[in-house]
Amino acid sequence: MKSLLLSVLLLTAISTSAQEGPKVVVFNSTESKEPAQWSKYNLVKFNVFEAFAGDFSFYYERILNKNFSAEIGMGPTLTNYFSLLWNDNFDFSNETVEPLMGFAFCLGARYYPYRAGDEFYVAPEFKYKYYHNNERYTDLSGQEQVMEESWKMAMGRLTFGYVYFFDENIFIDFSAGFGIGKVTQNNLDWEGTEAILDETSLLTPRFHTGVKVGVAF
């Protein structure tokens, strides 16, 4: 009987000691509400800055995985009024120039250190632009003639940018970068009394900036 009583007292003492010992509190880790990857994989946008240069391209970006995406852009071109502002000899009231619709396209890949489609990115890209117009002139016999002039550029470039989302769908994409472009021009010129199309081509460094507004879905 004494042995049973001692055993009960011993178990009671051990139980009390265990309950009075230090307690280990486990906190539930709070994970970020932002997903590691967007649930929306498609981004459609329009470059407002390029529109001032007569390039009305729309862009489509597709998120491939957590950090990478691919982008393609294309659209019509008209007169590059932005570049003409730097031409002292250009006259906006000149009716001898008839703008024609050209085209532009862009291909690129994007790397986002944080999350594809959001915040900072770097993008190697290839951009092509083609502008052309009809130039009216009068030949020596007094007859009105028309010659087609053109301007085209093929450029490899590196773009740095930042994407800011106003909500889950609407965003703005700021970008700037540099590259090397081959520019080829065909302009009306005179060789003696004969009108000719004079072609010039040069390789030149070029800088670019952009502001795209768009929607994700």
C-alpha atoms as a PDB file:
ATOM      1  CA  MET A   1       0.000   0.000   0.000  1.00  0.00           C
ATOM      2  CA  LYS A   2       2.859   2.324   0.885  1.00  0.00           C
ATOM      3  CA  SER A   3       4.527   1.502  -2.442  1.00  0.00           C
ATOM      4  CA  LEU A   4       1.353   2.373  -4.349  1.00  0.00           C
ATOM      5  CA  LEU A   5       1.007   5.642  -2.456  1.00  0.00           C
ATOM      6  CA  LEU A   6       4.636   6.571  -3.132  1.00  0.00           C
ATOM      7  CA  SER A   7       4.171   5.799  -6.822  1.00  0.00           C
ATOM      8  CA  VAL A   8       1.098   8.044  -7.046  1.00  0.00           C
ATOM      9  CA  LEU A   9       2.900  10.885  -5.267  1.00  0.00           C
ATOM     10  CA  LEU A  10       5.931  10.527  -7.566  1.00  0.00           C
ATOM     11  CA  LEU A  11       3.826  10.622 -10.736  1.00  0.00           C
ATOM     12  CA  THR A  12       1.926  13.665  -9.407  1.00  0.00           C
ATOM     13  CA  ALA A  13       5.205  15.482  -8.691  1.00  0.00           C
ATOM     14  CA  ILE A  14       6.598  14.733 -12.171  1.00  0.00           C
ATOM     15  CA  SER A  15       3.363  15.877 -13.813  1.00  0.00           C
ATOM     16  CA  THR A  16       3.320  19.122 -11.826  1.00  0.00           C
ATOM     17  CA  SER A  17       6.973  19.758 -12.611  1.00  0.00           C
ATOM     18  CA  ALA A  18       6.367  19.246 -16.329  1.00  0.00           C
ATOM     19  CA  GLN A  19       3.413  21.648 -16.328  1.00  0.00           C
ATOM     20  CA  GLU A  20       5.403  24.351 -14.505  1.00  0.00           C
ATOM     21  CA  GLY A  21       8.372  24.046 -16.880  1.00  0.00           C
ATOM     22  CA  PRO A  22       9.114  26.515 -19.711  1.00  0.00           C
ATOM     23  CA  LYS A  23       6.573  26.519 -22.496  1.00  0.00           C
ATOM     24  CA  VAL A  24       7.546  26.607 -26.180  1.00  0.00           C
ATOM     25  CA  VAL A  25       5.326  28.922 -28.206  1.00  0.00           C
ATOM     26  CA  VAL A  26       5.149  28.260 -31.951  1.00  0.00           C
ATOM     27  CA  PHE A  27       4.109  31.224 -34.045  1.00  0.00           C
ATOM     28  CA  ASN A  28       2.408  30.647 -37.367  1.00  0.00           C
ATOM     29  CA  SER A  29       4.589  32.161 -40.098  1.00  0.00           C
ATOM     30  CA  THR A  30       2.708  34.798 -42.085  1.00  0.00           C
ATOM     31  CA  GLU A  31       3.416  34.414 -45.769  1.00  0.00           C
ATOM     32  CA  SER A  32       3.227  37.360 -48.170  1.00  0.00           C
ATOM     33  CA  LYS A  33      -0.146  37.885 -49.747  1.00  0.00           C
ATOM     34  CA  GLU A  34       1.569  38.592 -53.051  1.00  0.00           C
ATOM     35  CA  PRO A  35       2.044  35.450 -55.129  1.00  0.00           C
ATOM     36  CA  ALA A  36       5.492  34.516 -56.390  1.00  0.00           C
ATOM     37  CA  GLN A  37       4.010  34.687 -59.864  1.00  0.00           C
ATOM     38  CA  TRP A  38       1.145  36.659 -61.334  1.00  0.00           C
ATOM     39  CA  SER A  39      -2.087  34.789 -61.858  1.00  0.00           C
ATOM     40  CA  LYS A  40      -2.475  36.863 -65.042  1.00  0.00           C
ATOM     41  CA  TYR A  41      -0.096  35.807 -67.797  1.00  0.00           C
ATOM     42  CA  ASN A  42      -1.052  38.233 -70.577  1.00  0.00           C
ATOM     43  CA  LEU A  43      -0.238  41.939 -70.782  1.00  0.00           C
ATOM     44  CA  VAL A  44      -1.419  44.174 -73.638  1.00  0.00           C
ATOM     45  CA  LYS A  45      -0.044  47.716 -73.899  1.00  0.00           C
ATOM     46  CA  PHE A  46       0.408  50.797 -76.055  1.00  0.00           C
ATOM     47  CA  ASN A  47       3.549  52.951 -76.151  1.00  0.00           C
ATOM     48  CA  VAL A  48       2.455  56.582 -75.791  1.00  0.00           C
ATOM     49  CA  PHE A  49       5.938  57.989 -76.482  1.00  0.00           C
ATOM     50  CA  GLU A  50       6.284  56.095 -79.766  1.00  0.00           C
ATOM     51  CA  ALA A  51       3.009  57.581 -80.985  1.00  0.00           C
ATOM     52  CA  PHE A  52       4.672  61.011 -81.041  1.00  0.00           C
ATOM     53  CA  ALA A  53       7.181  59.508 -83.497  1.00  0.00           C
ATOM     54  CA  GLY A  54       4.400  58.190 -85.740  1.00  0.00           C
ATOM     55  CA  ASP A  55       4.763  54.599 -84.490  1.00  0.00           C
ATOM     56  CA  PHE A  56       1.383  53.244 -83.358  1.00  0.00           C
ATOM     57  CA  SER A  57       2.449  49.791 -82.223  1.00  0.00           C
ATOM     58  CA  PHE A  58       0.577  47.646 -79.717  1.00  0.00           C
ATOM     59  CA  TYR A  59       2.562  45.221 -77.582  1.00  0.00           C
ATOM     60  CA  TYR A  60       1.734  41.807 -76.164  1.00  0.00           C
ATOM     61  CA  GLU A  61       3.773  40.335 -73.310  1.00  0.00           C
ATOM     62  CA  ARG A  62       3.429  36.736 -72.214  1.00  0.00           C
ATOM     63  CA  ILE A  63       4.734  35.603 -68.823  1.00  0.00           C
ATOM     64  CA  LEU A  64       6.672  32.352 -69.218  1.00  0.00           C
ATOM     65  CA  ASN A  65       7.702  31.590 -65.637  1.00  0.00           C
ATOM     66  CA  LYS A  66       8.529  33.319 -62.358  1.00  0.00           C
ATOM     67  CA  ASN A  67      11.233  35.614 -63.765  1.00  0.00           C
ATOM     68  CA  PHE A  68      11.005  35.568 -67.565  1.00  0.00           C
ATOM     69  CA  SER A  69       8.591  36.781 -70.219  1.00  0.00           C
ATOM     70  CA  ALA A  70       8.551  37.386 -73.978  1.00  0.00           C
ATOM     71  CA  GLU A  71       7.156  40.409 -75.806  1.00  0.00           C
ATOM     72  CA  ILE A  72       6.122  41.189 -79.363  1.00  0.00           C
ATOM     73  CA  GLY A  73       4.912  44.487 -80.769  1.00  0.00           C
ATOM     74  CA  MET A  74       3.658  45.622 -84.157  1.00  0.00           C
ATOM     75  CA  GLY A  75       1.643  48.382 -85.738  1.00  0.00           C
ATOM     76  CA  PRO A  76       1.411  50.997 -88.499  1.00  0.00           C
ATOM     77  CA  THR A  77       3.703  54.000 -88.905  1.00  0.00           C
ATOM     78  CA  LEU A  78       3.079  57.441 -90.366  1.00  0.00           C
ATOM     79  CA  THR A  79       5.245  60.554 -90.424  1.00  0.00           C
ATOM     80  CA  ASN A  80       7.934  60.703 -87.743  1.00  0.00           C
ATOM     81  CA  TYR A  81       7.109  64.213 -86.587  1.00  0.00           C
ATOM     82  CA  PHE A  82       9.406  63.978 -83.574  1.00  0.00           C
ATOM     83  CA  SER A  83      12.521  63.575 -85.732  1.00  0.00           C
ATOM     84  CA  LEU A  84      11.320  66.275 -88.133  1.00  0.00           C
ATOM     85  CA  LEU A  85      11.366  68.784 -85.284  1.00  0.00           C
ATOM     86  CA  TRP A  86      15.160  68.584 -85.405  1.00  0.00           C
ATOM     87  CA  ASN A  87      15.195  69.333 -89.127  1.00  0.00           C
ATOM     88  CA  ASP A  88      15.500  73.113 -89.575  1.00  0.00           C
ATOM     89  CA  ASN A  89      14.532  72.857 -93.244  1.00  0.00           C
ATOM     90  CA  PHE A  90      11.273  71.001 -92.678  1.00  0.00           C
ATOM     91  CA  ASP A  91       8.060  72.897 -93.343  1.00  0.00           C
ATOM     92  CA  PHE A  92       4.872  71.445 -91.784  1.00  0.00           C
ATOM     93  CA  SER A  93       2.799  73.273 -94.373  1.00  0.00           C
ATOM     94  CA  ASN A  94       4.665  71.588 -97.237  1.00  0.00           C
ATOM     95  CA  GLU A  95       1.960  70.037 -99.430  1.00  0.00           C
ATOM     96  CA  THR A  96       4.414  68.249-101.710  1.00  0.00           C
ATOM     97  CA  VAL A  97       4.876  65.477 -99.137  1.00  0.00           C
ATOM     98  CA  GLU A  98       2.179  62.810 -98.888  1.00  0.00           C
ATOM     99  CA  PRO A  99       2.704  60.449 -95.924  1.00  0.00           C
ATOM    100  CA  LEU A 100       2.128  56.757 -96.580  1.00  0.00           C
ATOM    101  CA  MET A 101       1.419  54.008 -94.075  1.00  0.00           C
ATOM    102  CA  GLY A 102       4.452  51.952 -93.117  1.00  0.00           C
ATOM    103  CA  PHE A 103       4.932  49.446 -90.320  1.00  0.00           C
ATOM    104  CA  ALA A 104       7.015  48.633 -87.255  1.00  0.00           C
ATOM    105  CA  PHE A 105       7.616  45.568 -85.129  1.00  0.00           C
ATOM    106  CA  CYS A 106       9.600  44.616 -82.066  1.00  0.00           C
ATOM    107  CA  LEU A 107      10.722  41.319 -80.525  1.00  0.00           C
ATOM    108  CA  GLY A 108      12.165  41.002 -77.050  1.00  0.00           C
ATOM    109  CA  ALA A 109      12.759  38.867 -73.973  1.00  0.00           C
ATOM    110  CA  ARG A 110      12.483  40.182 -70.422  1.00  0.00           C
ATOM    111  CA  TYR A 111      14.113  39.235 -67.129  1.00  0.00           C
ATOM    112  CA  TYR A 112      12.487  40.374 -63.876  1.00  0.00           C
ATOM    113  CA  PRO A 113      14.623  39.856 -60.712  1.00  0.00           C
ATOM    114  CA  TYR A 114      11.546  40.052 -58.441  1.00  0.00           C
ATOM    115  CA  ARG A 115       8.603  38.611 -60.346  1.00  0.00           C
ATOM    116  CA  ALA A 116       7.755  38.420 -64.048  1.00  0.00           C
ATOM    117  CA  GLY A 117       5.496  41.263 -65.126  1.00  0.00           C
ATOM    118  CA  ASP A 118       6.203  43.463 -62.105  1.00  0.00           C
ATOM    119  CA  GLU A 119       8.771  46.080 -61.058  1.00  0.00           C
ATOM    120  CA  PHE A 120      12.311  46.213 -62.495  1.00  0.00           C
ATOM    121  CA  TYR A 121      13.361  44.388 -65.668  1.00  0.00           C
ATOM    122  CA  VAL A 122      16.060  44.209 -68.316  1.00  0.00           C
ATOM    123  CA  ALA A 123      15.226  43.293 -71.919  1.00  0.00           C
ATOM    124  CA  PRO A 124      17.319  42.566 -75.027  1.00  0.00           C
ATOM    125  CA  GLU A 125      15.208  43.622 -78.029  1.00  0.00           C
ATOM    126  CA  PHE A 126      15.164  43.955 -81.803  1.00  0.00           C
ATOM    127  CA  LYS A 127      13.230  46.902 -83.242  1.00  0.00           C
ATOM    128  CA  TYR A 128      12.420  47.614 -86.895  1.00  0.00           C
ATOM    129  CA  LYS A 129      10.710  50.729 -88.288  1.00  0.00           C
ATOM    130  CA  TYR A 130       9.741  51.630 -91.840  1.00  0.00           C
ATOM    131  CA  TYR A 131       8.421  55.030 -92.941  1.00  0.00           C
ATOM    132  CA  HIS A 132       7.747  56.172 -96.499  1.00  0.00           C
ATOM    133  CA  ASN A 133       6.045  58.982 -98.359  1.00  0.00           C
ATOM    134  CA  ASN A 134       5.379  60.359-101.830  1.00  0.00           C
ATOM    135  CA  GLU A 135       7.367  63.425-102.772  1.00  0.00           C
ATOM    136  CA  ARG A 136       5.845  65.557-105.520  1.00  0.00           C
ATOM    137  CA  TYR A 137       8.122  67.616-107.733  1.00  0.00           C
ATOM    138  CA  THR A 138       8.044  69.389-111.094  1.00  0.00           C
ATOM    139  CA  ASP A 139      10.407  68.246-113.829  1.00  0.00           C
ATOM    140  CA  LEU A 140      12.047  70.476-116.431  1.00  0.00           C
ATOM    141  CA  SER A 141       9.115  70.127-118.811  1.00  0.00           C
ATOM    142  CA  GLY A 142       6.777  71.503-116.147  1.00  0.00           C
ATOM    143  CA  GLN A 143       5.077  68.177-115.500  1.00  0.00           C
ATOM    144  CA  GLU A 144       4.284  67.141-111.951  1.00  0.00           C
ATOM    145  CA  GLN A 145       6.003  63.914-110.958  1.00  0.00           C
ATOM    146  CA  VAL A 146       5.934  61.706-107.861  1.00  0.00           C
ATOM    147  CA  MET A 147       8.822  59.819-106.274  1.00  0.00           C
ATOM    148  CA  GLU A 148       8.569  57.557-103.227  1.00  0.00           C
ATOM    149  CA  GLU A 149      11.002  58.321-100.404  1.00  0.00           C
ATOM    150  CA  SER A 150      11.662  55.978 -97.496  1.00  0.00           C
ATOM    151  CA  TRP A 151      13.344  55.722 -94.106  1.00  0.00           C
ATOM    152  CA  LYS A 152      13.959  52.438 -92.335  1.00  0.00           C
ATOM    153  CA  MET A 153      15.844  51.353 -89.264  1.00  0.00           C
ATOM    154  CA  ALA A 154      16.876  47.956 -87.883  1.00  0.00           C
ATOM    155  CA  MET A 155      18.244  48.085 -84.356  1.00  0.00           C
ATOM    156  CA  GLY A 156      19.416  45.716 -81.649  1.00  0.00           C
ATOM    157  CA  ARG A 157      19.080  47.315 -78.238  1.00  0.00           C
ATOM    158  CA  LEU A 158      19.084  46.789 -74.483  1.00  0.00           C
ATOM    159  CA  THR A 159      16.164  48.190 -72.501  1.00  0.00           C
ATOM    160  CA  PHE A 160      15.849  48.816 -68.770  1.00  0.00           C
ATOM    161  CA  GLY A 161      12.456  49.457 -67.246  1.00  0.00           C
ATOM    162  CA  TYR A 162      10.031  49.449 -64.375  1.00  0.00           C
ATOM    163  CA  VAL A 163       6.420  48.234 -64.309  1.00  0.00           C
ATOM    164  CA  TYR A 164       3.996  49.754 -61.816  1.00  0.00           C
ATOM    165  CA  PHE A 165       0.518  48.277 -61.222  1.00  0.00           C
ATOM    166  CA  PHE A 166      -2.258  50.617 -60.103  1.00  0.00           C
ATOM    167  CA  ASP A 167      -4.392  47.576 -59.309  1.00  0.00           C
ATOM    168  CA  GLU A 168      -4.499  43.936 -60.413  1.00  0.00           C
ATOM    169  CA  ASN A 169      -5.139  44.850 -64.045  1.00  0.00           C
ATOM    170  CA  ILE A 170      -4.024  48.383 -64.970  1.00  0.00           C
ATOM    171  CA  PHE A 171      -0.324  49.212 -65.154  1.00  0.00           C
ATOM    172  CA  ILE A 172       2.235  51.600 -66.608  1.00  0.00           C
ATOM    173  CA  ASP A 173       5.591  50.517 -68.047  1.00  0.00           C
ATOM    174  CA  PHE A 174       8.498  53.008 -67.991  1.00  0.00           C
ATOM    175  CA  SER A 175      11.584  52.189 -70.079  1.00  0.00           C
ATOM    176  CA  ALA A 176      14.841  53.592 -71.429  1.00  0.00           C
ATOM    177  CA  GLY A 177      17.819  52.076 -73.191  1.00  0.00           C
ATOM    178  CA  PHE A 178      20.382  52.189 -75.947  1.00  0.00           C
ATOM    179  CA  GLY A 179      21.397  50.220 -79.007  1.00  0.00           C
ATOM    180  CA  ILE A 180      23.056  50.220 -82.404  1.00  0.00           C
ATOM    181  CA  GLY A 181      20.834  50.865 -85.399  1.00  0.00           C
ATOM    182  CA  LYS A 182      21.332  50.714 -89.146  1.00  0.00           C
ATOM    183  CA  VAL A 183      19.422  53.565 -90.773  1.00  0.00           C
ATOM    184  CA  THR A 184      18.782  53.560 -94.519  1.00  0.00           C
ATOM    185  CA  GLN A 185      17.227  56.553 -96.280  1.00  0.00           C
ATOM    186  CA  ASN A 186      16.091  57.072 -99.867  1.00  0.00           C
ATOM    187  CA  ASN A 187      15.480  60.755-100.629  1.00  0.00           C
ATOM    188  CA  LEU A 188      14.710  62.783-103.713  1.00  0.00           C
ATOM    189  CA  ASP A 189      17.802  64.452-105.129  1.00  0.00           C
ATOM    190  CA  TRP A 190      18.973  65.982-108.379  1.00  0.00           C
ATOM    191  CA  GLU A 191      21.797  64.809-110.574  1.00  0.00           C
ATOM    192  CA  GLY A 192      22.185  67.674-112.968  1.00  0.00           C
ATOM    193  CA  THR A 193      18.705  68.102-114.450  1.00  0.00           C
ATOM    194  CA  GLU A 194      17.535  64.598-113.584  1.00  0.00           C
ATOM    195  CA  ALA A 195      15.628  63.678-110.424  1.00  0.00           C
ATOM    196  CA  ILE A 196      17.066  60.631-108.710  1.00  0.00           C
ATOM    197  CA  LEU A 197      16.498  58.652-105.525  1.00  0.00           C
ATOM    198  CA  ASP A 198      19.631  59.024-103.420  1.00  0.00           C
ATOM    199  CA  GLU A 199      20.271  56.246-100.883  1.00  0.00           C
ATOM    200  CA  THR A 200      22.350  56.703 -97.754  1.00  0.00           C
ATOM    201  CA  SER A 201      23.010  54.126 -95.043  1.00  0.00           C
ATOM    202  CA  LEU A 202      24.826  54.429 -91.743  1.00  0.00           C
ATOM    203  CA  LEU A 203      25.331  52.545 -88.497  1.00  0.00           C
ATOM    204  CA  THR A 204      24.737  54.741 -85.475  1.00  0.00           C
ATOM    205  CA  PRO A 205      24.174  54.487 -81.699  1.00  0.00           C
ATOM    206  CA  ARG A 206      20.629  55.335 -80.676  1.00  0.00           C
ATOM    207  CA  PHE A 207      18.893  55.969 -77.372  1.00  0.00           C
ATOM    208  CA  HIS A 208      15.222  55.383 -76.692  1.00  0.00           C
ATOM    209  CA  THR A 209      12.636  55.990 -73.978  1.00  0.00           C
ATOM    210  CA  GLY A 210       9.097  54.737 -73.635  1.00  0.00           C
ATOM    211  CA  VAL A 211       5.946  54.914 -71.541  1.00  0.00           C
ATOM    212  CA  LYS A 212       3.465  52.105 -72.121  1.00  0.00           C
ATOM    213  CA  VAL A 213       0.017  51.907 -70.588  1.00  0.00           C
ATOM    214  CA  GLY A 214      -1.750  48.599 -70.527  1.00  0.00           C
ATOM    215  CA  VAL A 215      -3.993  45.977 -69.028  1.00  0.00           C
ATOM    216  CA  ALA A 216      -3.220  42.491 -67.665  1.00  0.00           C
ATOM    217  CA  PHE A 217      -5.550  39.509 -67.924  1.00  0.00           C
END
